[in-house]
C-alpha atoms as a PDB file:
ATOM      1  CA  UNK A   1      36.489   1.770  11.460  1.00  0.00           C
ATOM      2  CA  UNK A   2      32.783   1.198  12.056  1.00  0.00           C
ATOM      3  CA  UNK A   3      31.864  -2.452  12.292  1.00  0.00           C
ATOM      4  CA  UNK A   4      30.082  -3.774   9.245  1.00  0.00           C
ATOM      5  CA  UNK A   5      26.685  -5.293   9.865  1.00  0.00           C
ATOM      6  CA  UNK A   6      26.057  -8.846   8.774  1.00  0.00           C
ATOM      7  CA  UNK A   7      23.505  -8.987   5.950  1.00  0.00           C
ATOM      8  CA  UNK A   8      20.069 -10.073   7.134  1.00  0.00           C
ATOM      9  CA  UNK A   9      19.181 -13.478   5.735  1.00  0.00           C
ATOM     10  CA  UNK A  10      15.426 -13.645   5.289  1.00  0.00           C
ATOM     11  CA  UNK A  11      14.187 -17.227   5.732  1.00  0.00           C
ATOM     12  CA  UNK A  12      12.194 -18.908   2.966  1.00  0.00           C
ATOM     13  CA  UNK A  13      10.064 -22.051   2.976  1.00  0.00           C
ATOM     14  CA  UNK A  14       9.304 -23.423  -0.487  1.00  0.00           C
ATOM     15  CA  UNK A  15       6.388 -25.741  -1.210  1.00  0.00           C
ATOM     16  CA  UNK A  16       6.373 -27.142  -4.733  1.00  0.00           C
ATOM     17  CA  UNK A  17       4.174 -29.671  -6.462  1.00  0.00           C
ATOM     18  CA  UNK A  18       1.879 -30.340  -9.367  1.00  0.00           C
ATOM     19  CA  UNK A  19      -1.534 -28.766  -9.851  1.00  0.00           C
ATOM     20  CA  UNK A  20      -4.102 -29.959  -7.324  1.00  0.00           C
ATOM     21  CA  UNK A  21      -1.713 -31.216  -4.659  1.00  0.00           C
ATOM     22  CA  UNK A  22      -2.956 -28.561  -2.221  1.00  0.00           C
ATOM     23  CA  UNK A  23       0.268 -26.565  -2.124  1.00  0.00           C
ATOM     24  CA  UNK A  24      -1.479 -23.188  -2.373  1.00  0.00           C
ATOM     25  CA  UNK A  25      -3.820 -23.702   0.574  1.00  0.00           C
ATOM     26  CA  UNK A  26      -1.080 -25.381   2.617  1.00  0.00           C
ATOM     27  CA  UNK A  27       1.325 -22.494   1.958  1.00  0.00           C
ATOM     28  CA  UNK A  28      -1.320 -19.939   2.829  1.00  0.00           C
ATOM     29  CA  UNK A  29      -2.142 -21.634   6.170  1.00  0.00           C
ATOM     30  CA  UNK A  30       1.540 -22.097   6.999  1.00  0.00           C
ATOM     31  CA  UNK A  31       2.275 -18.422   6.292  1.00  0.00           C
ATOM     32  CA  UNK A  32      -0.628 -17.414   8.544  1.00  0.00           C
ATOM     33  CA  UNK A  33       0.614 -19.694  11.343  1.00  0.00           C
ATOM     34  CA  UNK A  34       4.150 -18.286  11.133  1.00  0.00           C
ATOM     35  CA  UNK A  35       3.101 -14.677  10.497  1.00  0.00           C
ATOM     36  CA  UNK A  36       5.213 -14.643   7.317  1.00  0.00           C
ATOM     37  CA  UNK A  37       4.655 -13.279   3.835  1.00  0.00           C
ATOM     38  CA  UNK A  38       3.038 -15.516   1.208  1.00  0.00           C
ATOM     39  CA  UNK A  39       3.782 -15.818  -2.514  1.00  0.00           C
ATOM     40  CA  UNK A  40       1.458 -17.721  -4.830  1.00  0.00           C
ATOM     41  CA  UNK A  41       3.868 -17.848  -7.767  1.00  0.00           C
ATOM     42  CA  UNK A  42       1.360 -19.551 -10.039  1.00  0.00           C
ATOM     43  CA  UNK A  43      -0.854 -16.471  -9.842  1.00  0.00           C
ATOM     44  CA  UNK A  44       1.776 -14.499 -11.777  1.00  0.00           C
ATOM     45  CA  UNK A  45       1.628 -16.930 -14.686  1.00  0.00           C
ATOM     46  CA  UNK A  46      -2.164 -16.957 -14.567  1.00  0.00           C
ATOM     47  CA  UNK A  47      -2.239 -13.154 -14.638  1.00  0.00           C
ATOM     48  CA  UNK A  48       0.153 -13.125 -17.580  1.00  0.00           C
ATOM     49  CA  UNK A  49      -2.023 -15.618 -19.479  1.00  0.00           C
ATOM     50  CA  UNK A  50      -5.065 -13.429 -18.818  1.00  0.00           C
ATOM     51  CA  UNK A  51      -3.176 -10.294 -19.901  1.00  0.00           C
ATOM     52  CA  UNK A  52      -2.154 -12.061 -23.113  1.00  0.00           C
ATOM     53  CA  UNK A  53      -5.804 -12.787 -23.867  1.00  0.00           C
ATOM     54  CA  UNK A  54      -6.758  -9.195 -23.046  1.00  0.00           C
ATOM     55  CA  UNK A  55      -4.094  -7.762 -25.369  1.00  0.00           C
ATOM     56  CA  UNK A  56      -4.581 -10.447 -28.045  1.00  0.00           C
ATOM     57  CA  UNK A  57      -1.068 -11.847 -27.689  1.00  0.00           C
ATOM     58  CA  UNK A  58      -0.698 -15.409 -28.954  1.00  0.00           C
ATOM     59  CA  UNK A  59       0.489 -17.906 -26.341  1.00  0.00           C
ATOM     60  CA  UNK A  60       3.144 -19.056 -28.815  1.00  0.00           C
ATOM     61  CA  UNK A  61       4.616 -15.552 -29.231  1.00  0.00           C
ATOM     62  CA  UNK A  62       7.450 -15.823 -26.713  1.00  0.00           C
ATOM     63  CA  UNK A  63       8.985 -12.426 -27.490  1.00  0.00           C
ATOM     64  CA  UNK A  64       5.700 -10.553 -27.042  1.00  0.00           C
ATOM     65  CA  UNK A  65       4.889 -12.498 -23.863  1.00  0.00           C
ATOM     66  CA  UNK A  66       8.335 -11.668 -22.468  1.00  0.00           C
ATOM     67  CA  UNK A  67       7.682  -7.940 -23.002  1.00  0.00           C
ATOM     68  CA  UNK A  68       4.218  -8.273 -21.487  1.00  0.00           C
ATOM     69  CA  UNK A  69       5.697 -10.038 -18.429  1.00  0.00           C
ATOM     70  CA  UNK A  70       8.343  -7.343 -17.910  1.00  0.00           C
ATOM     71  CA  UNK A  71       5.781  -4.533 -17.886  1.00  0.00           C
ATOM     72  CA  UNK A  72       2.883  -6.406 -16.310  1.00  0.00           C
ATOM     73  CA  UNK A  73       0.668  -3.946 -14.420  1.00  0.00           C
ATOM     74  CA  UNK A  74      -0.422  -6.170 -11.547  1.00  0.00           C
ATOM     75  CA  UNK A  75      -0.957  -5.682  -7.821  1.00  0.00           C
ATOM     76  CA  UNK A  76      -1.302  -8.289  -5.101  1.00  0.00           C
ATOM     77  CA  UNK A  77      -3.222  -7.042  -2.071  1.00  0.00           C
ATOM     78  CA  UNK A  78      -2.359  -9.313   0.836  1.00  0.00           C
ATOM     79  CA  UNK A  79      -4.961 -10.655   3.273  1.00  0.00           C
ATOM     80  CA  UNK A  80      -4.024 -12.508   6.435  1.00  0.00           C
ATOM     81  CA  UNK A  81      -4.954 -16.163   6.055  1.00  0.00           C
ATOM     82  CA  UNK A  82      -6.370 -15.852   2.556  1.00  0.00           C
ATOM     83  CA  UNK A  83      -5.249 -15.655  -1.044  1.00  0.00           C
ATOM     84  CA  UNK A  84      -4.423 -12.078  -2.082  1.00  0.00           C
ATOM     85  CA  UNK A  85      -6.712  -9.907  -4.155  1.00  0.00           C
ATOM     86  CA  UNK A  86      -5.227  -9.681  -7.638  1.00  0.00           C
ATOM     87  CA  UNK A  87      -5.609  -6.455  -9.608  1.00  0.00           C
ATOM     88  CA  UNK A  88      -4.656  -6.486 -13.305  1.00  0.00           C
ATOM     89  CA  UNK A  89      -4.588  -3.060 -14.959  1.00  0.00           C
ATOM     90  CA  UNK A  90      -7.052  -1.721 -12.393  1.00  0.00           C
ATOM     91  CA  UNK A  91      -9.452  -4.685 -12.620  1.00  0.00           C
ATOM     92  CA  UNK A  92     -10.050  -7.283  -9.892  1.00  0.00           C
ATOM     93  CA  UNK A  93      -9.234 -10.628 -11.537  1.00  0.00           C
ATOM     94  CA  UNK A  94      -8.929 -12.709  -8.355  1.00  0.00           C
ATOM     95  CA  UNK A  95     -11.652 -15.169  -9.371  1.00  0.00           C
ATOM     96  CA  UNK A  96     -11.033 -15.023 -13.121  1.00  0.00           C
ATOM     97  CA  UNK A  97      -7.465 -16.315 -12.873  1.00  0.00           C
ATOM     98  CA  UNK A  98      -8.654 -19.431 -10.978  1.00  0.00           C
ATOM     99  CA  UNK A  99     -10.617 -20.885 -13.893  1.00  0.00           C
ATOM    100  CA  UNK A 100      -9.513 -24.121 -15.586  1.00  0.00           C
ATOM    101  CA  UNK A 101      -9.044 -22.270 -18.883  1.00  0.00           C
ATOM    102  CA  UNK A 102      -6.642 -19.699 -17.428  1.00  0.00           C
ATOM    103  CA  UNK A 103      -4.830 -22.423 -15.481  1.00  0.00           C
ATOM    104  CA  UNK A 104      -4.154 -24.411 -18.640  1.00  0.00           C
ATOM    105  CA  UNK A 105      -3.012 -21.279 -20.487  1.00  0.00           C
ATOM    106  CA  UNK A 106      -0.711 -20.395 -17.578  1.00  0.00           C
ATOM    107  CA  UNK A 107       0.937 -23.808 -17.938  1.00  0.00           C
ATOM    108  CA  UNK A 108       1.586 -23.053 -21.616  1.00  0.00           C
ATOM    109  CA  UNK A 109       3.154 -19.600 -21.058  1.00  0.00           C
ATOM    110  CA  UNK A 110       5.068 -20.946 -18.056  1.00  0.00           C
ATOM    111  CA  UNK A 111       6.901 -23.366 -20.327  1.00  0.00           C
ATOM    112  CA  UNK A 112       8.546 -20.487 -22.227  1.00  0.00           C
ATOM    113  CA  UNK A 113      12.118 -19.782 -21.004  1.00  0.00           C
ATOM    114  CA  UNK A 114      12.000 -16.013 -21.672  1.00  0.00           C
ATOM    115  CA  UNK A 115       8.775 -15.674 -19.693  1.00  0.00           C
ATOM    116  CA  UNK A 116      10.174 -17.511 -16.663  1.00  0.00           C
ATOM    117  CA  UNK A 117      13.294 -15.318 -16.712  1.00  0.00           C
ATOM    118  CA  UNK A 118      11.192 -12.155 -16.991  1.00  0.00           C
ATOM    119  CA  UNK A 119       9.154 -13.090 -13.899  1.00  0.00           C
ATOM    120  CA  UNK A 120      12.096 -14.240 -11.764  1.00  0.00           C
ATOM    121  CA  UNK A 121      12.897 -10.884 -10.117  1.00  0.00           C
ATOM    122  CA  UNK A 122       9.215 -10.194  -9.444  1.00  0.00           C
ATOM    123  CA  UNK A 123       9.000 -13.430  -7.466  1.00  0.00           C
ATOM    124  CA  UNK A 124      12.212 -12.845  -5.525  1.00  0.00           C
ATOM    125  CA  UNK A 125      11.003  -9.385  -4.527  1.00  0.00           C
ATOM    126  CA  UNK A 126       8.449 -11.043  -2.224  1.00  0.00           C
ATOM    127  CA  UNK A 127      11.306 -12.119   0.060  1.00  0.00           C
ATOM    128  CA  UNK A 128      10.804  -9.686   2.929  1.00  0.00           C
ATOM    129  CA  UNK A 129      11.061  -9.856   6.724  1.00  0.00           C
ATOM    130  CA  UNK A 130      10.104 -11.740   8.794  1.00  0.00           C
ATOM    131  CA  UNK A 131      10.104 -14.532   6.187  1.00  0.00           C
ATOM    132  CA  UNK A 132       8.415 -15.967   3.116  1.00  0.00           C
ATOM    133  CA  UNK A 133       6.342 -19.060   2.408  1.00  0.00           C
ATOM    134  CA  UNK A 134       6.047 -19.621  -1.319  1.00  0.00           C
ATOM    135  CA  UNK A 135       4.377 -22.231  -3.491  1.00  0.00           C
ATOM    136  CA  UNK A 136       4.938 -23.168  -7.108  1.00  0.00           C
ATOM    137  CA  UNK A 137       6.700 -25.688  -9.286  1.00  0.00           C
ATOM    138  CA  UNK A 138      10.299 -24.414  -9.245  1.00  0.00           C
ATOM    139  CA  UNK A 139      10.505 -22.447  -6.004  1.00  0.00           C
ATOM    140  CA  UNK A 140      13.035 -24.772  -4.394  1.00  0.00           C
ATOM    141  CA  UNK A 141      15.024 -25.526  -7.540  1.00  0.00           C
ATOM    142  CA  UNK A 142      15.263 -22.167  -9.331  1.00  0.00           C
ATOM    143  CA  UNK A 143      13.638 -19.174  -7.638  1.00  0.00           C
ATOM    144  CA  UNK A 144      14.868 -19.762  -4.070  1.00  0.00           C
ATOM    145  CA  UNK A 145      17.540 -22.479  -4.309  1.00  0.00           C
ATOM    146  CA  UNK A 146      19.089 -21.210  -1.059  1.00  0.00           C
ATOM    147  CA  UNK A 147      15.893 -21.777   0.958  1.00  0.00           C
ATOM    148  CA  UNK A 148      16.646 -23.690   4.135  1.00  0.00           C
ATOM    149  CA  UNK A 149      13.378 -25.615   4.122  1.00  0.00           C
ATOM    150  CA  UNK A 150      11.972 -27.159   0.952  1.00  0.00           C
ATOM    151  CA  UNK A 151       8.915 -29.363   0.557  1.00  0.00           C
ATOM    152  CA  UNK A 152       7.360 -31.130  -2.414  1.00  0.00           C
ATOM    153  CA  UNK A 153       3.735 -32.290  -2.305  1.00  0.00           C
ATOM    154  CA  UNK A 154       2.609 -35.402  -4.170  1.00  0.00           C
ATOM    155  CA  UNK A 155      -0.844 -36.771  -4.974  1.00  0.00           C
ATOM    156  CA  UNK A 156      -2.214 -39.080  -7.640  1.00  0.00           C
ATOM    157  CA  UNK A 157      -3.982 -37.527 -10.657  1.00  0.00           C
ATOM    158  CA  UNK A 158      -7.180 -39.305  -9.598  1.00  0.00           C
ATOM    159  CA  UNK A 159      -7.195 -37.788  -6.108  1.00  0.00           C
ATOM    160  CA  UNK A 160      -6.282 -34.359  -7.435  1.00  0.00           C
ATOM    161  CA  UNK A 161      -9.063 -34.514 -10.019  1.00  0.00           C
ATOM    162  CA  UNK A 162     -11.599 -35.497  -7.358  1.00  0.00           C
ATOM    163  CA  UNK A 163     -10.545 -32.528  -5.239  1.00  0.00           C
ATOM    164  CA  UNK A 164     -10.930 -30.198  -8.206  1.00  0.00           C
ATOM    165  CA  UNK A 165     -14.288 -31.750  -9.142  1.00  0.00           C
ATOM    166  CA  UNK A 166     -15.587 -31.032  -5.649  1.00  0.00           C
ATOM    167  CA  UNK A 167     -14.418 -27.410  -5.855  1.00  0.00           C
ATOM    168  CA  UNK A 168     -16.098 -26.891  -9.227  1.00  0.00           C
ATOM    169  CA  UNK A 169     -19.337 -28.571  -8.158  1.00  0.00           C
ATOM    170  CA  UNK A 170     -19.500 -26.254  -5.138  1.00  0.00           C
ATOM    171  CA  UNK A 171     -19.381 -23.375  -7.621  1.00  0.00           C
ATOM    172  CA  UNK A 172     -22.165 -24.927  -9.686  1.00  0.00           C
ATOM    173  CA  UNK A 173     -19.826 -25.901 -12.533  1.00  0.00           C
ATOM    174  CA  UNK A 174     -20.445 -29.290 -14.151  1.00  0.00           C
ATOM    175  CA  UNK A 175     -17.353 -31.153 -15.387  1.00  0.00           C
ATOM    176  CA  UNK A 176     -16.381 -34.709 -16.283  1.00  0.00           C
ATOM    177  CA  UNK A 177     -14.002 -36.480 -13.878  1.00  0.00           C
ATOM    178  CA  UNK A 178     -12.226 -38.404 -16.649  1.00  0.00           C
ATOM    179  CA  UNK A 179     -11.606 -35.158 -18.541  1.00  0.00           C
ATOM    180  CA  UNK A 180     -10.177 -33.544 -15.408  1.00  0.00           C
ATOM    181  CA  UNK A 181      -7.805 -36.467 -14.862  1.00  0.00           C
ATOM    182  CA  UNK A 182      -6.500 -36.292 -18.415  1.00  0.00           C
ATOM    183  CA  UNK A 183      -6.138 -32.493 -18.257  1.00  0.00           C
ATOM    184  CA  UNK A 184      -4.042 -32.864 -15.109  1.00  0.00           C
ATOM    185  CA  UNK A 185      -1.859 -35.502 -16.762  1.00  0.00           C
ATOM    186  CA  UNK A 186      -1.347 -33.253 -19.782  1.00  0.00           C
ATOM    187  CA  UNK A 187      -0.432 -30.314 -17.565  1.00  0.00           C
ATOM    188  CA  UNK A 188       1.945 -32.474 -15.516  1.00  0.00           C
ATOM    189  CA  UNK A 189       3.645 -33.727 -18.670  1.00  0.00           C
ATOM    190  CA  UNK A 190       4.050 -30.195 -20.019  1.00  0.00           C
ATOM    191  CA  UNK A 191       5.393 -28.930 -16.685  1.00  0.00           C
ATOM    192  CA  UNK A 192       7.816 -31.837 -16.256  1.00  0.00           C
ATOM    193  CA  UNK A 193       9.186 -31.739 -19.788  1.00  0.00           C
ATOM    194  CA  UNK A 194       9.727 -28.012 -20.286  1.00  0.00           C
ATOM    195  CA  UNK A 195      13.332 -27.074 -21.011  1.00  0.00           C
ATOM    196  CA  UNK A 196      13.627 -24.456 -18.259  1.00  0.00           C
ATOM    197  CA  UNK A 197      12.694 -24.984 -14.590  1.00  0.00           C
ATOM    198  CA  UNK A 198      10.811 -28.275 -15.033  1.00  0.00           C
ATOM    199  CA  UNK A 199       8.522 -29.543 -12.314  1.00  0.00           C
ATOM    200  CA  UNK A 200      10.648 -31.706 -10.014  1.00  0.00           C
ATOM    201  CA  UNK A 201      11.672 -31.858  -6.353  1.00  0.00           C
ATOM    202  CA  UNK A 202      14.831 -30.098  -5.237  1.00  0.00           C
ATOM    203  CA  UNK A 203      17.594 -32.537  -4.276  1.00  0.00           C
ATOM    204  CA  UNK A 204      17.243 -31.457  -0.641  1.00  0.00           C
ATOM    205  CA  UNK A 205      13.432 -31.354  -0.547  1.00  0.00           C
ATOM    206  CA  UNK A 206      11.156 -33.361   1.729  1.00  0.00           C
ATOM    207  CA  UNK A 207       8.251 -35.010  -0.081  1.00  0.00           C
ATOM    208  CA  UNK A 208       4.811 -35.338   1.474  1.00  0.00           C
ATOM    209  CA  UNK A 209       2.286 -37.735  -0.013  1.00  0.00           C
ATOM    210  CA  UNK A 210      -1.094 -36.054   0.455  1.00  0.00           C
ATOM    211  CA  UNK A 211      -3.554 -38.589  -1.009  1.00  0.00           C
ATOM    212  CA  UNK A 212      -4.894 -39.542   2.420  1.00  0.00           C
ATOM    213  CA  UNK A 213      -4.168 -36.326   4.290  1.00  0.00           C
ATOM    214  CA  UNK A 214      -6.249 -33.238   4.980  1.00  0.00           C
ATOM    215  CA  UNK A 215      -4.733 -29.805   4.378  1.00  0.00           C
ATOM    216  CA  UNK A 216      -4.413 -29.329   8.141  1.00  0.00           C
ATOM    217  CA  UNK A 217      -2.535 -32.631   8.484  1.00  0.00           C
ATOM    218  CA  UNK A 218      -0.081 -31.602   5.769  1.00  0.00           C
ATOM    219  CA  UNK A 219       0.570 -28.303   7.568  1.00  0.00           C
ATOM    220  CA  UNK A 220       1.051 -30.223  10.820  1.00  0.00           C
ATOM    221  CA  UNK A 221       3.661 -32.486   9.232  1.00  0.00           C
ATOM    222  CA  UNK A 222       5.529 -29.528   7.779  1.00  0.00           C
ATOM    223  CA  UNK A 223       5.595 -27.851  11.194  1.00  0.00           C
ATOM    224  CA  UNK A 224       6.861 -31.062  12.778  1.00  0.00           C
ATOM    225  CA  UNK A 225       9.596 -31.233  10.164  1.00  0.00           C
ATOM    226  CA  UNK A 226      10.571 -27.600  10.812  1.00  0.00           C
ATOM    227  CA  UNK A 227      10.697 -28.118  14.571  1.00  0.00           C
ATOM    228  CA  UNK A 228      12.740 -31.300  14.323  1.00  0.00           C
ATOM    229  CA  UNK A 229      14.926 -30.356  11.378  1.00  0.00           C
ATOM    230  CA  UNK A 230      18.213 -32.198  11.861  1.00  0.00           C
ATOM    231  CA  UNK A 231      19.372 -32.198   8.280  1.00  0.00           C
ATOM    232  CA  UNK A 232      17.821 -35.577   7.559  1.00  0.00           C
ATOM    233  CA  UNK A 233      15.331 -35.825   4.743  1.00  0.00           C
ATOM    234  CA  UNK A 234      13.938 -39.272   5.473  1.00  0.00           C
ATOM    235  CA  UNK A 235      11.026 -39.934   7.842  1.00  0.00           C
ATOM    236  CA  UNK A 236       8.920 -42.902   8.953  1.00  0.00           C
ATOM    237  CA  UNK A 237       6.270 -43.887   6.412  1.00  0.00           C
ATOM    238  CA  UNK A 238       3.491 -43.330   8.957  1.00  0.00           C
ATOM    239  CA  UNK A 239       4.142 -39.609   8.879  1.00  0.00           C
ATOM    240  CA  UNK A 240       3.750 -39.455   5.077  1.00  0.00           C
ATOM    241  CA  UNK A 241       7.132 -37.730   4.922  1.00  0.00           C
ATOM    242  CA  UNK A 242       9.750 -39.429   2.788  1.00  0.00           C
ATOM    243  CA  UNK A 243      12.703 -38.900   0.540  1.00  0.00           C
ATOM    244  CA  UNK A 244      11.462 -37.808  -2.857  1.00  0.00           C
ATOM    245  CA  UNK A 245      10.806 -40.504  -5.409  1.00  0.00           C
ATOM    246  CA  UNK A 246       9.268 -38.549  -8.254  1.00  0.00           C
ATOM    247  CA  UNK A 247       7.683 -40.506 -11.100  1.00  0.00           C
ATOM    248  CA  UNK A 248       7.188 -38.956 -14.522  1.00  0.00           C
ATOM    249  CA  UNK A 249       3.526 -39.140 -15.501  1.00  0.00           C
ATOM    250  CA  UNK A 250       2.118 -40.618 -18.658  1.00  0.00           C
ATOM    251  CA  UNK A 251      -0.840 -39.293 -20.603  1.00  0.00           C
ATOM    252  CA  UNK A 252      -3.834 -41.408 -21.469  1.00  0.00           C
ATOM    253  CA  UNK A 253      -4.378 -41.785 -25.182  1.00  0.00           C
END
């Protein structure tokens, strides 16, 4: 009898975290360094929120959003070392889906169980050779629970808001820092408290506190962790790598 070939196990690195922790840019740079594929899972939820607006589907209509997610006409055109171009129903929406409005709406639709289930297979389809680096909120807990390497990025709401403020100011958009902080806290609360796939670290994830780190330093620490992976998930405090101690956020009244 011919010898059966062992199934090819495609490696996955998951990088989860709240909005503004830098997980998207970190994942993108890591994928470029490794020469692997890159999945920005949050883009799918942003595209769905935009499609809902386009087709006048209420964000509370879970059944209609589920159908929209299943038949979503979207393409991701990959670029080495950059976020992919996103085409929704023939239209380039790469910049549109990055607005604060679409981001907040994506958090709302992402809290719906039927929507998350509908998008699960789409996300897993990105797992192709030679490997996948993916960022999101439930990559290590739900979408790719078998990933060998899992990371969770942490940063205070204040630091994350300052980062976002700088990005918006560079685009000529004027916003209030206090409003940004509260919006982030609201989004965190919604993401952490949803009934399906809440925002939290996987039990076997390594947490990286990024408040005082550049994006390049975070990537460096992940690479060091990958090179020296010995099954331990605890590191010296000076490296900013630690076992995950995740604190539920409160929302300012």
